[in-house]
Amino acid sequence: MQPMAKLAELKLKRVQQLNTADSPFLIRKHKEMLNWMMRTFGLDTYGLTWAQFGKGVGLGALATWLLLR
């Protein structure tokens, strides 16, 4: 009997996740969304912080532009 050949080897990057246990509903949903962003874009907490900062600046600039025009 011959051993089976490996078809592929997956090298997955471990991404840190935020703990959602024992959190209220709204906070748990927010952490789940952040965990999804971290997995999807391969970010760590530092990269996620910068992404959220950029999003805040962009949305703030858009809101300011909409209010002042």
Protein backbone atom coordinates (compact mmCIF):
# COMPACT_ATOMS: atom_id res chain seq x y z
CA MET A 1 0.00 0.00 0.00
CA GLN A 2 1.42 3.38 -1.06
CA PRO A 3 1.07 6.50 1.11
CA MET A 4 -1.20 9.23 -0.28
CA ALA A 5 0.48 12.27 -1.77
CA LYS A 6 -0.19 15.64 -0.15
CA LEU A 7 -2.38 17.76 -2.38
CA ALA A 8 -1.71 21.06 -0.66
CA GLU A 9 -0.39 22.48 2.52
CA LEU A 10 -2.12 25.45 4.07
CA LYS A 11 0.01 27.95 5.90
CA LEU A 12 -2.41 30.02 7.92
CA LYS A 13 -1.33 33.13 9.73
CA ARG A 14 -2.51 33.21 13.31
CA VAL A 15 -4.44 36.41 13.95
CA GLN A 16 -5.03 37.66 17.46
CA GLN A 17 -8.73 37.83 18.34
CA LEU A 18 -10.59 39.98 20.86
CA ASN A 19 -12.30 38.08 23.67
CA THR A 20 -16.11 38.26 23.37
CA ALA A 21 -16.98 36.13 26.41
CA ASP A 22 -18.93 37.82 29.21
CA SER A 23 -19.54 41.00 27.20
CA PRO A 24 -22.88 42.78 26.83
CA PHE A 25 -24.69 42.30 23.51
CA LEU A 26 -23.66 45.57 21.83
CA ILE A 27 -20.01 45.28 22.87
CA ARG A 28 -19.92 41.61 21.80
CA LYS A 29 -21.25 42.48 18.33
CA HIS A 30 -18.70 45.29 18.00
CA LYS A 31 -15.85 42.93 18.97
CA GLU A 32 -17.14 40.31 16.51
CA MET A 33 -17.03 42.92 13.73
CA LEU A 34 -13.48 43.89 14.73
CA ASN A 35 -12.46 40.21 14.80
CA TRP A 36 -13.89 39.81 11.29
CA MET A 37 -11.85 42.80 10.07
CA MET A 38 -8.71 41.39 11.69
CA ARG A 39 -9.19 37.99 10.01
CA THR A 40 -10.20 39.40 6.62
CA PHE A 41 -7.38 41.93 6.27
CA GLY A 42 -4.77 40.06 8.34
CA LEU A 43 -4.37 42.90 10.83
CA ASP A 44 -3.08 42.80 14.37
CA THR A 45 -4.47 45.12 17.05
CA TYR A 46 -2.01 47.88 16.13
CA GLY A 47 -2.98 47.79 12.45
CA LEU A 48 -6.65 47.65 13.39
CA THR A 49 -6.22 50.75 15.56
CA TRP A 50 -4.76 52.69 12.62
CA ALA A 51 -7.51 51.43 10.30
CA GLN A 52 -10.17 52.62 12.74
CA PHE A 53 -8.39 55.96 13.15
CA GLY A 54 -8.35 56.44 9.38
CA LYS A 55 -12.02 55.49 9.15
CA GLY A 56 -12.87 58.04 11.87
CA VAL A 57 -10.94 60.82 10.15
CA GLY A 58 -12.59 60.00 6.81
CA LEU A 59 -16.11 59.87 8.19
CA GLY A 60 -15.49 63.02 10.24
CA ALA A 61 -14.26 64.89 7.17
CA LEU A 62 -17.26 63.66 5.16
CA ALA A 63 -19.70 64.75 7.89
CA THR A 64 -18.01 68.16 8.14
CA TRP A 65 -18.12 68.62 4.38
CA LEU A 66 -21.80 67.66 4.24
CA LEU A 67 -22.72 70.02 7.09
CA LEU A 68 -20.79 73.01 5.74
CA ARG A 69 -21.79 72.91 2.11
